[in-house]
PDB file of N, CA and C in Angstrom:
ATOM      1  N   MET A   1      43.788 -96.688-119.502  1.00  0.00           N
ATOM      2  CA  MET A   1      42.779 -96.114-118.653  1.00  0.00           C
ATOM      3  C   MET A   1      42.106 -94.954-119.373  1.00  0.00           C
ATOM      4  N   SER A   2      40.798 -94.944-119.339  1.00  0.00           N
ATOM      5  CA  SER A   2      40.035 -93.871-119.954  1.00  0.00           C
ATOM      6  C   SER A   2      39.839 -92.735-118.951  1.00  0.00           C
ATOM      7  N   THR A   3      39.964 -91.519-119.442  1.00  0.00           N
ATOM      8  CA  THR A   3      39.748 -90.366-118.564  1.00  0.00           C
ATOM      9  C   THR A   3      38.342 -89.797-118.729  1.00  0.00           C
ATOM     10  N   GLN A   4      37.538 -90.392-119.588  1.00  0.00           N
ATOM     11  CA  GLN A   4      36.172 -89.918-119.782  1.00  0.00           C
ATOM     12  C   GLN A   4      35.284 -90.385-118.635  1.00  0.00           C
ATOM     13  N   PRO A   5      34.374 -89.511-118.185  1.00  0.00           N
ATOM     14  CA  PRO A   5      33.473 -89.925-117.095  1.00  0.00           C
ATOM     15  C   PRO A   5      32.465 -90.964-117.578  1.00  0.00           C
ATOM     16  N   THR A   6      31.984 -91.765-116.631  1.00  0.00           N
ATOM     17  CA  THR A   6      30.964 -92.767-116.943  1.00  0.00           C
ATOM     18  C   THR A   6      29.654 -92.059-117.261  1.00  0.00           C
ATOM     19  N   PRO A   7      28.990 -92.452-118.364  1.00  0.00           N
ATOM     20  CA  PRO A   7      27.722 -91.807-118.720  1.00  0.00           C
ATOM     21  C   PRO A   7      26.657 -92.007-117.632  1.00  0.00           C
ATOM     22  N   ILE A   8      25.860 -90.969-117.424  1.00  0.00           N
ATOM     23  CA  ILE A   8      24.803 -91.004-116.401  1.00  0.00           C
ATOM     24  C   ILE A   8      23.806 -92.128-116.673  1.00  0.00           C
ATOM     25  N   TRP A   9      23.432 -92.344-117.932  1.00  0.00           N
ATOM     26  CA  TRP A   9      22.454 -93.377-118.241  1.00  0.00           C
ATOM     27  C   TRP A   9      22.965 -94.752-117.822  1.00  0.00           C
ATOM     28  N   LEU A  10      24.267 -94.971-117.918  1.00  0.00           N
ATOM     29  CA  LEU A  10      24.833 -96.255-117.531  1.00  0.00           C
ATOM     30  C   LEU A  10      24.795 -96.435-116.012  1.00  0.00           C
ATOM     31  N   LEU A  11      25.077 -95.379-115.268  1.00  0.00           N
ATOM     32  CA  LEU A  11      24.976 -95.431-113.808  1.00  0.00           C
ATOM     33  C   LEU A  11      23.537 -95.686-113.359  1.00  0.00           C
ATOM     34  N   LEU A  12      22.577 -95.011-113.994  1.00  0.00           N
ATOM     35  CA  LEU A  12      21.164 -95.217-113.657  1.00  0.00           C
ATOM     36  C   LEU A  12      20.716 -96.638-113.985  1.00  0.00           C
ATOM     37  N   TYR A  13      21.152 -97.141-115.124  1.00  0.00           N
ATOM     38  CA  TYR A  13      20.822 -98.505-115.531  1.00  0.00           C
ATOM     39  C   TYR A  13      21.345 -99.514-114.510  1.00  0.00           C
ATOM     40  N   GLY A  14      22.575 -99.315-114.057  1.00  0.00           N
ATOM     41  CA  GLY A  14      23.149-100.199-113.040  1.00  0.00           C
ATOM     42  C   GLY A  14      22.416-100.096-111.717  1.00  0.00           C
ATOM     43  N   GLY A  15      22.073 -98.874-111.306  1.00  0.00           N
ATOM     44  CA  GLY A  15      21.347 -98.681-110.054  1.00  0.00           C
ATOM     45  C   GLY A  15      19.977 -99.334-110.072  1.00  0.00           C
ATOM     46  N   VAL A  16      19.272 -99.193-111.175  1.00  0.00           N
ATOM     47  CA  VAL A  16      17.953 -99.837-111.315  1.00  0.00           C
ATOM     48  C   VAL A  16      18.105-101.352-111.271  1.00  0.00           C
ATOM     49  N   GLY A  17      19.128-101.877-111.922  1.00  0.00           N
ATOM     50  CA  GLY A  17      19.368-103.317-111.910  1.00  0.00           C
ATOM     51  C   GLY A  17      19.635-103.852-110.512  1.00  0.00           C
ATOM     52  N   ILE A  18      20.428-103.112-109.741  1.00  0.00           N
ATOM     53  CA  ILE A  18      20.716-103.527-108.369  1.00  0.00           C
ATOM     54  C   ILE A  18      19.442-103.491-107.528  1.00  0.00           C
ATOM     55  N   CYS A  19      18.638-102.443-107.664  1.00  0.00           N
ATOM     56  CA  CYS A  19      17.397-102.325-106.897  1.00  0.00           C
ATOM     57  C   CYS A  19      16.412-103.442-107.233  1.00  0.00           C
ATOM     58  N   VAL A  20      16.251-103.738-108.508  1.00  0.00           N
ATOM     59  CA  VAL A  20      15.336-104.805-108.914  1.00  0.00           C
ATOM     60  C   VAL A  20      15.840-106.157-108.409  1.00  0.00           C
ATOM     61  N   GLY A  21      17.138-106.401-108.517  1.00  0.00           N
ATOM     62  CA  GLY A  21      17.699-107.655-108.036  1.00  0.00           C
ATOM     63  C   GLY A  21      17.519-107.837-106.540  1.00  0.00           C
ATOM     64  N   LEU A  22      17.724-106.766-105.789  1.00  0.00           N
ATOM     65  CA  LEU A  22      17.533-106.838-104.347  1.00  0.00           C
ATOM     66  C   LEU A  22      16.069-107.059-104.000  1.00  0.00           C
ATOM     67  N   TRP A  23      15.186-106.402-104.726  1.00  0.00           N
ATOM     68  CA  TRP A  23      13.757-106.554-104.476  1.00  0.00           C
ATOM     69  C   TRP A  23      13.296-107.988-104.765  1.00  0.00           C
ATOM     70  N   VAL A  24      13.790-108.571-105.853  1.00  0.00           N
ATOM     71  CA  VAL A  24      13.342-109.896-106.267  1.00  0.00           C
ATOM     72  C   VAL A  24      14.015-111.008-105.449  1.00  0.00           C
ATOM     73  N   TRP A  25      15.343-110.937-105.276  1.00  0.00           N
ATOM     74  CA  TRP A  25      16.084-112.027-104.648  1.00  0.00           C
ATOM     75  C   TRP A  25      16.679-111.686-103.289  1.00  0.00           C
ATOM     76  N   GLY A  26      16.480-110.508-102.790  1.00  0.00           N
ATOM     77  CA  GLY A  26      17.122-110.071-101.556  1.00  0.00           C
ATOM     78  C   GLY A  26      16.817-110.937-100.357  1.00  0.00           C
ATOM     79  N   ARG A  27      15.557-111.265-100.164  1.00  0.00           N
ATOM     80  CA  ARG A  27      15.163-112.070 -99.007  1.00  0.00           C
ATOM     81  C   ARG A  27      15.840-113.438 -99.030  1.00  0.00           C
ATOM     82  N   ARG A  28      15.922-114.044-100.207  1.00  0.00           N
ATOM     83  CA  ARG A  28      16.541-115.365-100.310  1.00  0.00           C
ATOM     84  C   ARG A  28      18.041-115.300-100.038  1.00  0.00           C
ATOM     85  N   VAL A  29      18.692-114.277-100.550  1.00  0.00           N
ATOM     86  CA  VAL A  29      20.131-114.113-100.318  1.00  0.00           C
ATOM     87  C   VAL A  29      20.402-113.897 -98.836  1.00  0.00           C
ATOM     88  N   ILE A  30      19.622-113.046 -98.194  1.00  0.00           N
ATOM     89  CA  ILE A  30      19.802-112.769 -96.772  1.00  0.00           C
ATOM     90  C   ILE A  30      19.548-114.031 -95.948  1.00  0.00           C
ATOM     91  N   GLN A  31      18.527-114.787 -96.290  1.00  0.00           N
ATOM     92  CA  GLN A  31      18.234-116.045 -95.593  1.00  0.00           C
ATOM     93  C   GLN A  31      19.394-117.021 -95.741  1.00  0.00           C
ATOM     94  N   THR A  32      19.902-117.165 -96.945  1.00  0.00           N
ATOM     95  CA  THR A  32      20.994-118.104 -97.191  1.00  0.00           C
ATOM     96  C   THR A  32      22.261-117.687 -96.459  1.00  0.00           C
ATOM     97  N   MET A  33      22.614-116.412 -96.555  1.00  0.00           N
ATOM     98  CA  MET A  33      23.852-115.939 -95.931  1.00  0.00           C
ATOM     99  C   MET A  33      23.753-115.910 -94.406  1.00  0.00           C
ATOM    100  N   GLY A  34      22.638-115.454 -93.859  1.00  0.00           N
ATOM    101  CA  GLY A  34      22.543-115.216 -92.432  1.00  0.00           C
ATOM    102  C   GLY A  34      22.106-116.390 -91.597  1.00  0.00           C
ATOM    103  N   LYS A  35      21.444-117.373 -92.195  1.00  0.00           N
ATOM    104  CA  LYS A  35      20.943-118.498 -91.403  1.00  0.00           C
ATOM    105  C   LYS A  35      21.354-119.851 -91.961  1.00  0.00           C
ATOM    106  N   ASP A  36      21.205-120.039 -93.268  1.00  0.00           N
ATOM    107  CA  ASP A  36      21.460-121.357 -93.838  1.00  0.00           C
ATOM    108  C   ASP A  36      22.947-121.709 -93.861  1.00  0.00           C
ATOM    109  N   LEU A  37      23.794-120.755 -94.201  1.00  0.00           N
ATOM    110  CA  LEU A  37      25.230-121.041 -94.270  1.00  0.00           C
ATOM    111  C   LEU A  37      25.832-121.118 -92.880  1.00  0.00           C
ATOM    112  N   THR A  38      25.641-120.103 -92.102  1.00  0.00           N
ATOM    113  CA  THR A  38      26.153-120.054 -90.734  1.00  0.00           C
ATOM    114  C   THR A  38      25.423-118.956 -89.980  1.00  0.00           C
ATOM    115  N   PRO A  39      25.141-119.141 -88.704  1.00  0.00           N
ATOM    116  CA  PRO A  39      24.526-118.054 -87.940  1.00  0.00           C
ATOM    117  C   PRO A  39      25.534-116.905 -87.770  1.00  0.00           C
ATOM    118  N   ILE A  40      25.079-115.686 -87.967  1.00  0.00           N
ATOM    119  CA  ILE A  40      25.959-114.525 -87.884  1.00  0.00           C
ATOM    120  C   ILE A  40      25.592-113.708 -86.648  1.00  0.00           C
ATOM    121  N   THR A  41      26.582-113.472 -85.799  1.00  0.00           N
ATOM    122  CA  THR A  41      26.418-112.625 -84.619  1.00  0.00           C
ATOM    123  C   THR A  41      26.886-111.214 -84.967  1.00  0.00           C
ATOM    124  N   PRO A  42      26.603-110.225 -84.126  1.00  0.00           N
ATOM    125  CA  PRO A  42      27.080-108.874 -84.431  1.00  0.00           C
ATOM    126  C   PRO A  42      28.600-108.785 -84.594  1.00  0.00           C
ATOM    127  N   SER A  43      29.358-109.464 -83.758  1.00  0.00           N
ATOM    128  CA  SER A  43      30.820-109.387 -83.867  1.00  0.00           C
ATOM    129  C   SER A  43      31.333-110.104 -85.112  1.00  0.00           C
ATOM    130  N   SER A  44      30.764-111.255 -85.428  1.00  0.00           N
ATOM    131  CA  SER A  44      31.204-111.941 -86.643  1.00  0.00           C
ATOM    132  C   SER A  44      30.734-111.184 -87.883  1.00  0.00           C
ATOM    133  N   GLY A  45      29.575-110.537 -87.806  1.00  0.00           N
ATOM    134  CA  GLY A  45      29.100-109.719 -88.922  1.00  0.00           C
ATOM    135  C   GLY A  45      30.035-108.555 -89.207  1.00  0.00           C
ATOM    136  N   PHE A  46      30.531-107.922 -88.148  1.00  0.00           N
ATOM    137  CA  PHE A  46      31.495-106.833 -88.317  1.00  0.00           C
ATOM    138  C   PHE A  46      32.767-107.339 -88.977  1.00  0.00           C
ATOM    139  N   SER A  47      33.253-108.479 -88.515  1.00  0.00           N
ATOM    140  CA  SER A  47      34.467-109.061 -89.083  1.00  0.00           C
ATOM    141  C   SER A  47      34.277-109.433 -90.556  1.00  0.00           C
ATOM    142  N   ILE A  48      33.125-109.979 -90.874  1.00  0.00           N
ATOM    143  CA  ILE A  48      32.819-110.349 -92.262  1.00  0.00           C
ATOM    144  C   ILE A  48      32.784-109.105 -93.154  1.00  0.00           C
ATOM    145  N   GLU A  49      32.110-108.064 -92.694  1.00  0.00           N
ATOM    146  CA  GLU A  49      32.020-106.827 -93.479  1.00  0.00           C
ATOM    147  C   GLU A  49      33.389-106.180 -93.672  1.00  0.00           C
ATOM    148  N   LEU A  50      34.182-106.140 -92.618  1.00  0.00           N
ATOM    149  CA  LEU A  50      35.505-105.528 -92.688  1.00  0.00           C
ATOM    150  C   LEU A  50      36.416-106.294 -93.652  1.00  0.00           C
ATOM    151  N   ALA A  51      36.427-107.602 -93.544  1.00  0.00           N
ATOM    152  CA  ALA A  51      37.270-108.411 -94.433  1.00  0.00           C
ATOM    153  C   ALA A  51      36.834-108.274 -95.889  1.00  0.00           C
ATOM    154  N   SER A  52      35.533-108.266 -96.120  1.00  0.00           N
ATOM    155  CA  SER A  52      35.022-108.119 -97.487  1.00  0.00           C
ATOM    156  C   SER A  52      35.384-106.758 -98.058  1.00  0.00           C
ATOM    157  N   ALA A  53      35.215-105.714 -97.269  1.00  0.00           N
ATOM    158  CA  ALA A  53      35.540-104.368 -97.739  1.00  0.00           C
ATOM    159  C   ALA A  53      37.022-104.234 -98.050  1.00  0.00           C
ATOM    160  N   LEU A  54      37.873-104.761 -97.178  1.00  0.00           N
ATOM    161  CA  LEU A  54      39.314-104.694 -97.431  1.00  0.00           C
ATOM    162  C   LEU A  54      39.696-105.451 -98.702  1.00  0.00           C
ATOM    163  N   THR A  55      39.095-106.610 -98.900  1.00  0.00           N
ATOM    164  CA  THR A  55      39.386-107.394-100.102  1.00  0.00           C
ATOM    165  C   THR A  55      38.985-106.641-101.360  1.00  0.00           C
ATOM    166  N   VAL A  56      37.796-106.053-101.352  1.00  0.00           N
ATOM    167  CA  VAL A  56      37.313-105.329-102.532  1.00  0.00           C
ATOM    168  C   VAL A  56      38.169-104.090-102.802  1.00  0.00           C
ATOM    169  N   VAL A  57      38.526-103.351-101.759  1.00  0.00           N
ATOM    170  CA  VAL A  57      39.336-102.140-101.941  1.00  0.00           C
ATOM    171  C   VAL A  57      40.719-102.487-102.488  1.00  0.00           C
ATOM    172  N   VAL A  58      41.362-103.483-101.898  1.00  0.00           N
ATOM    173  CA  VAL A  58      42.699-103.868-102.359  1.00  0.00           C
ATOM    174  C   VAL A  58      42.640-104.393-103.799  1.00  0.00           C
ATOM    175  N   ALA A  59      41.683-105.255-104.075  1.00  0.00           N
ATOM    176  CA  ALA A  59      41.570-105.805-105.430  1.00  0.00           C
ATOM    177  C   ALA A  59      41.266-104.708-106.451  1.00  0.00           C
ATOM    178  N   SER A  60      40.417-103.766-106.093  1.00  0.00           N
ATOM    179  CA  SER A  60      40.086-102.674-107.010  1.00  0.00           C
ATOM    180  C   SER A  60      41.291-101.793-107.273  1.00  0.00           C
ATOM    181  N   ASN A  61      42.093-101.543-106.247  1.00  0.00           N
ATOM    182  CA  ASN A  61      43.271-100.699-106.425  1.00  0.00           C
ATOM    183  C   ASN A  61      44.348-101.350-107.281  1.00  0.00           C
ATOM    184  N   ILE A  62      44.409-102.667-107.310  1.00  0.00           N
ATOM    185  CA  ILE A  62      45.394-103.322-108.173  1.00  0.00           C
ATOM    186  C   ILE A  62      44.787-103.782-109.489  1.00  0.00           C
ATOM    187  N   GLY A  63      43.504-103.484-109.694  1.00  0.00           N
ATOM    188  CA  GLY A  63      42.870-103.736-110.984  1.00  0.00           C
ATOM    189  C   GLY A  63      42.248-105.100-111.163  1.00  0.00           C
ATOM    190  N   LEU A  64      41.980-105.814-110.079  1.00  0.00           N
ATOM    191  CA  LEU A  64      41.342-107.126-110.190  1.00  0.00           C
ATOM    192  C   LEU A  64      39.834-107.006-110.010  1.00  0.00           C
ATOM    193  N   PRO A  65      39.051-107.557-110.912  1.00  0.00           N
ATOM    194  CA  PRO A  65      37.598-107.533-110.722  1.00  0.00           C
ATOM    195  C   PRO A  65      37.192-108.601-109.706  1.00  0.00           C
ATOM    196  N   VAL A  66      36.454-108.204-108.701  1.00  0.00           N
ATOM    197  CA  VAL A  66      35.998-109.148-107.679  1.00  0.00           C
ATOM    198  C   VAL A  66      34.504-108.965-107.437  1.00  0.00           C
ATOM    199  N   SER A  67      33.896-109.984-106.887  1.00  0.00           N
ATOM    200  CA  SER A  67      32.478-109.949-106.545  1.00  0.00           C
ATOM    201  C   SER A  67      32.329-109.718-105.049  1.00  0.00           C
ATOM    202  N   THR A  68      31.608-108.676-104.678  1.00  0.00           N
ATOM    203  CA  THR A  68      31.402-108.405-103.257  1.00  0.00           C
ATOM    204  C   THR A  68      30.595-109.519-102.599  1.00  0.00           C
ATOM    205  N   THR A  69      29.672-110.101-103.327  1.00  0.00           N
ATOM    206  CA  THR A  69      28.872-111.198-102.778  1.00  0.00           C
ATOM    207  C   THR A  69      29.751-112.397-102.473  1.00  0.00           C
ATOM    208  N   HIS A  70      30.651-112.721-103.379  1.00  0.00           N
ATOM    209  CA  HIS A  70      31.550-113.847-103.135  1.00  0.00           C
ATOM    210  C   HIS A  70      32.509-113.557-101.988  1.00  0.00           C
ATOM    211  N   CYS A  71      32.926-112.316-101.854  1.00  0.00           N
ATOM    212  CA  CYS A  71      33.788-111.944-100.725  1.00  0.00           C
ATOM    213  C   CYS A  71      33.056-112.139 -99.405  1.00  0.00           C
ATOM    214  N   LYS A  72      31.809-111.726 -99.342  1.00  0.00           N
ATOM    215  CA  LYS A  72      31.027-111.880 -98.116  1.00  0.00           C
ATOM    216  C   LYS A  72      30.738-113.353 -97.824  1.00  0.00           C
ATOM    217  N   LEU A  73      30.417-114.116 -98.850  1.00  0.00           N
ATOM    218  CA  LEU A  73      30.154-115.541 -98.683  1.00  0.00           C
ATOM    219  C   LEU A  73      31.384-116.243 -98.140  1.00  0.00           C
ATOM    220  N   SER A  74      32.526-115.936 -98.700  1.00  0.00           N
ATOM    221  CA  SER A  74      33.756-116.554 -98.253  1.00  0.00           C
ATOM    222  C   SER A  74      34.095-116.157 -96.830  1.00  0.00           C
ATOM    223  N   SER A  75      33.920-114.889 -96.529  1.00  0.00           N
ATOM    224  CA  SER A  75      34.211-114.424 -95.171  1.00  0.00           C
ATOM    225  C   SER A  75      33.329-115.132 -94.153  1.00  0.00           C
ATOM    226  N   ALA A  76      32.050-115.269 -94.463  1.00  0.00           N
ATOM    227  CA  ALA A  76      31.124-115.924 -93.536  1.00  0.00           C
ATOM    228  C   ALA A  76      31.480-117.390 -93.338  1.00  0.00           C
ATOM    229  N   ALA A  77      31.743-118.090 -94.423  1.00  0.00           N
ATOM    230  CA  ALA A  77      32.050-119.518 -94.319  1.00  0.00           C
ATOM    231  C   ALA A  77      33.394-119.756 -93.650  1.00  0.00           C
ATOM    232  N   THR A  78      34.388-118.972 -94.008  1.00  0.00           N
ATOM    233  CA  THR A  78      35.715-119.173 -93.439  1.00  0.00           C
ATOM    234  C   THR A  78      35.768-118.703 -91.989  1.00  0.00           C
ATOM    235  N   GLN A  79      34.988-117.690 -91.659  1.00  0.00           N
ATOM    236  CA  GLN A  79      34.889-117.249 -90.265  1.00  0.00           C
ATOM    237  C   GLN A  79      34.435-118.418 -89.400  1.00  0.00           C
ATOM    238  N   ARG A  80      33.405-119.070 -89.847  1.00  0.00           N
ATOM    239  CA  ARG A  80      32.887-120.207 -89.080  1.00  0.00           C
ATOM    240  C   ARG A  80      33.876-121.365 -89.108  1.00  0.00           C
ATOM    241  N   LEU A  81      34.461-121.631 -90.243  1.00  0.00           N
ATOM    242  CA  LEU A  81      35.370-122.764 -90.393  1.00  0.00           C
ATOM    243  C   LEU A  81      36.632-122.585 -89.550  1.00  0.00           C
ATOM    244  N   ASN A  82      37.259-121.415 -89.623  1.00  0.00           N
ATOM    245  CA  ASN A  82      38.544-121.215 -88.957  1.00  0.00           C
ATOM    246  C   ASN A  82      38.434-120.714 -87.528  1.00  0.00           C
ATOM    247  N   CYS A  83      37.510-119.821 -87.268  1.00  0.00           N
ATOM    248  CA  CYS A  83      37.473-119.168 -85.959  1.00  0.00           C
ATOM    249  C   CYS A  83      36.621-119.905 -84.939  1.00  0.00           C
ATOM    250  N   LYS A  84      35.624-120.624 -85.368  1.00  0.00           N
ATOM    251  CA  LYS A  84      34.727-121.283 -84.427  1.00  0.00           C
ATOM    252  C   LYS A  84      34.828-122.807 -84.496  1.00  0.00           C
ATOM    253  N   HIS A  85      35.655-123.302 -85.388  1.00  0.00           N
ATOM    254  CA  HIS A  85      35.896-124.732 -85.521  1.00  0.00           C
ATOM    255  C   HIS A  85      34.637-125.526 -85.868  1.00  0.00           C
ATOM    256  N   TYR A  86      33.789-124.921 -86.660  1.00  0.00           N
ATOM    257  CA  TYR A  86      32.628-125.608 -87.204  1.00  0.00           C
ATOM    258  C   TYR A  86      32.774-125.604 -88.713  1.00  0.00           C
ATOM    259  N   SER A  87      32.156-126.569 -89.351  1.00  0.00           N
ATOM    260  CA  SER A  87      32.190-126.535 -90.803  1.00  0.00           C
ATOM    261  C   SER A  87      30.911-125.881 -91.317  1.00  0.00           C
ATOM    262  N   PRO A  88      31.007-125.079 -92.386  1.00  0.00           N
ATOM    263  CA  PRO A  88      29.796-124.496 -92.964  1.00  0.00           C
ATOM    264  C   PRO A  88      28.971-125.583 -93.645  1.00  0.00           C
ATOM    265  N   HIS A  89      27.722-125.297 -93.874  1.00  0.00           N
ATOM    266  CA  HIS A  89      26.854-126.240 -94.574  1.00  0.00           C
ATOM    267  C   HIS A  89      27.278-126.288 -96.034  1.00  0.00           C
ATOM    268  N   MET A  90      27.968-127.348 -96.415  1.00  0.00           N
ATOM    269  CA  MET A  90      28.609-127.399 -97.727  1.00  0.00           C
ATOM    270  C   MET A  90      27.614-127.458 -98.880  1.00  0.00           C
ATOM    271  N   ASN A  91      26.408-127.976 -98.674  1.00  0.00           N
ATOM    272  CA  ASN A  91      25.428-127.980 -99.764  1.00  0.00           C
ATOM    273  C   ASN A  91      25.002-126.565-100.130  1.00  0.00           C
ATOM    274  N   VAL A  92      25.099-125.623 -99.188  1.00  0.00           N
ATOM    275  CA  VAL A  92      24.793-124.224 -99.466  1.00  0.00           C
ATOM    276  C   VAL A  92      26.026-123.518-100.012  1.00  0.00           C
ATOM    277  N   PHE A  93      27.189-123.895 -99.516  1.00  0.00           N
ATOM    278  CA  PHE A  93      28.426-123.191 -99.812  1.00  0.00           C
ATOM    279  C   PHE A  93      29.096-123.650-101.104  1.00  0.00           C
ATOM    280  N   SER A  94      28.927-124.890-101.507  1.00  0.00           N
ATOM    281  CA  SER A  94      29.686-125.451-102.624  1.00  0.00           C
ATOM    282  C   SER A  94      29.501-124.769-103.974  1.00  0.00           C
ATOM    283  N   PRO A  95      28.280-124.499-104.456  1.00  0.00           N
ATOM    284  CA  PRO A  95      28.166-123.915-105.802  1.00  0.00           C
ATOM    285  C   PRO A  95      28.879-122.569-105.966  1.00  0.00           C
ATOM    286  N   PRO A  96      28.661-121.578-105.094  1.00  0.00           N
ATOM    287  CA  PRO A  96      29.385-120.330-105.298  1.00  0.00           C
ATOM    288  C   PRO A  96      30.871-120.458-105.016  1.00  0.00           C
ATOM    289  N   PHE A  97      31.242-121.366-104.125  1.00  0.00           N
ATOM    290  CA  PHE A  97      32.653-121.558-103.815  1.00  0.00           C
ATOM    291  C   PHE A  97      33.398-122.067-105.035  1.00  0.00           C
ATOM    292  N   ALA A  98      32.778-122.961-105.763  1.00  0.00           N
ATOM    293  CA  ALA A  98      33.420-123.488-106.962  1.00  0.00           C
ATOM    294  C   ALA A  98      33.604-122.404-108.026  1.00  0.00           C
ATOM    295  N   ASP A  99      32.741-121.405-108.039  1.00  0.00           N
ATOM    296  CA  ASP A  99      32.822-120.341-109.033  1.00  0.00           C
ATOM    297  C   ASP A  99      33.936-119.339-108.766  1.00  0.00           C
ATOM    298  N   SER A 100      34.263-119.131-107.516  1.00  0.00           N
ATOM    299  CA  SER A 100      35.223-118.064-107.222  1.00  0.00           C
ATOM    300  C   SER A 100      36.160-118.443-106.091  1.00  0.00           C
ATOM    301  N   PHE A 101      36.870-119.506-106.250  1.00  0.00           N
ATOM    302  CA  PHE A 101      37.715-120.055-105.203  1.00  0.00           C
ATOM    303  C   PHE A 101      38.754-119.055-104.692  1.00  0.00           C
ATOM    304  N   ASP A 102      39.458-118.382-105.563  1.00  0.00           N
ATOM    305  CA  ASP A 102      40.543-117.494-105.136  1.00  0.00           C
ATOM    306  C   ASP A 102      40.031-116.282-104.368  1.00  0.00           C
ATOM    307  N   THR A 103      38.986-115.640-104.863  1.00  0.00           N
ATOM    308  CA  THR A 103      38.445-114.460-104.189  1.00  0.00           C
ATOM    309  C   THR A 103      37.937-114.817-102.812  1.00  0.00           C
ATOM    310  N   GLU A 104      37.262-115.936-102.704  1.00  0.00           N
ATOM    311  CA  GLU A 104      36.681-116.330-101.435  1.00  0.00           C
ATOM    312  C   GLU A 104      37.739-116.689-100.410  1.00  0.00           C
ATOM    313  N   LYS A 105      38.790-117.365-100.839  1.00  0.00           N
ATOM    314  CA  LYS A 105      39.843-117.708 -99.888  1.00  0.00           C
ATOM    315  C   LYS A 105      40.506-116.456 -99.337  1.00  0.00           C
ATOM    316  N   ALA A 106      40.813-115.500-100.200  1.00  0.00           N
ATOM    317  CA  ALA A 106      41.479-114.277 -99.754  1.00  0.00           C
ATOM    318  C   ALA A 106      40.614-113.518 -98.751  1.00  0.00           C
ATOM    319  N   SER A 107      39.354-113.359 -99.054  1.00  0.00           N
ATOM    320  CA  SER A 107      38.457-112.621 -98.173  1.00  0.00           C
ATOM    321  C   SER A 107      38.197-113.380 -96.874  1.00  0.00           C
ATOM    322  N   GLY A 108      38.025-114.651 -96.976  1.00  0.00           N
ATOM    323  CA  GLY A 108      37.740-115.462 -95.794  1.00  0.00           C
ATOM    324  C   GLY A 108      38.867-115.459 -94.787  1.00  0.00           C
ATOM    325  N   TYR A 109      40.078-115.609 -95.242  1.00  0.00           N
ATOM    326  CA  TYR A 109      41.195-115.612 -94.305  1.00  0.00           C
ATOM    327  C   TYR A 109      41.432-114.255 -93.679  1.00  0.00           C
ATOM    328  N   LYS A 110      41.111-113.194 -94.403  1.00  0.00           N
ATOM    329  CA  LYS A 110      41.215-111.856 -93.810  1.00  0.00           C
ATOM    330  C   LYS A 110      40.196-111.688 -92.690  1.00  0.00           C
ATOM    331  N   ALA A 111      39.055-112.376 -92.772  1.00  0.00           N
ATOM    332  CA  ALA A 111      38.023-112.254 -91.747  1.00  0.00           C
ATOM    333  C   ALA A 111      38.494-112.811 -90.405  1.00  0.00           C
ATOM    334  N   CYS A 112      39.394-113.755 -90.447  1.00  0.00           N
ATOM    335  CA  CYS A 112      39.865-114.380 -89.205  1.00  0.00           C
ATOM    336  C   CYS A 112      41.099-113.711 -88.627  1.00  0.00           C
ATOM    337  N   ILE A 113      41.683-112.791 -89.364  1.00  0.00           N
ATOM    338  CA  ILE A 113      42.893-112.114 -88.894  1.00  0.00           C
ATOM    339  C   ILE A 113      42.553-111.028 -87.917  1.00  0.00           C
TER     340      ILE A 113
END
C-alpha cells in the first residue's frame, strides 16, 4: 500500500472523464437501466441503491475492484427476477452480465435481502 496522496491532476482527469461520459452516454444508460431492463419504482430504486452501495463498500474494504454500474445492473435485474417473479429482458441484460457474473450476483442478491 502506498502512503503517497493521489496527484490532483489525476483526480481532475478522472472527474472530467466521468463528466464527459455522463454527458455523452448518460441518457442511454438511464433509459436502459430504468425502462428497458425493468421498470424501477421508488422502493425498488432504494433497494437497488442500497445493495449496490453495500457491495462496493465491502468489496473496496477487502481490496476487490468492482464496477458500480455492474452492481446496479445486477441489483435491478435480480430485484425483478427474485422479488417480483418476472424475468428481466435478457437481450438487454446478457452482454454486461457475461462480463461481470460474480459482482452482479453478489449485488443482486443483496438487493432482495
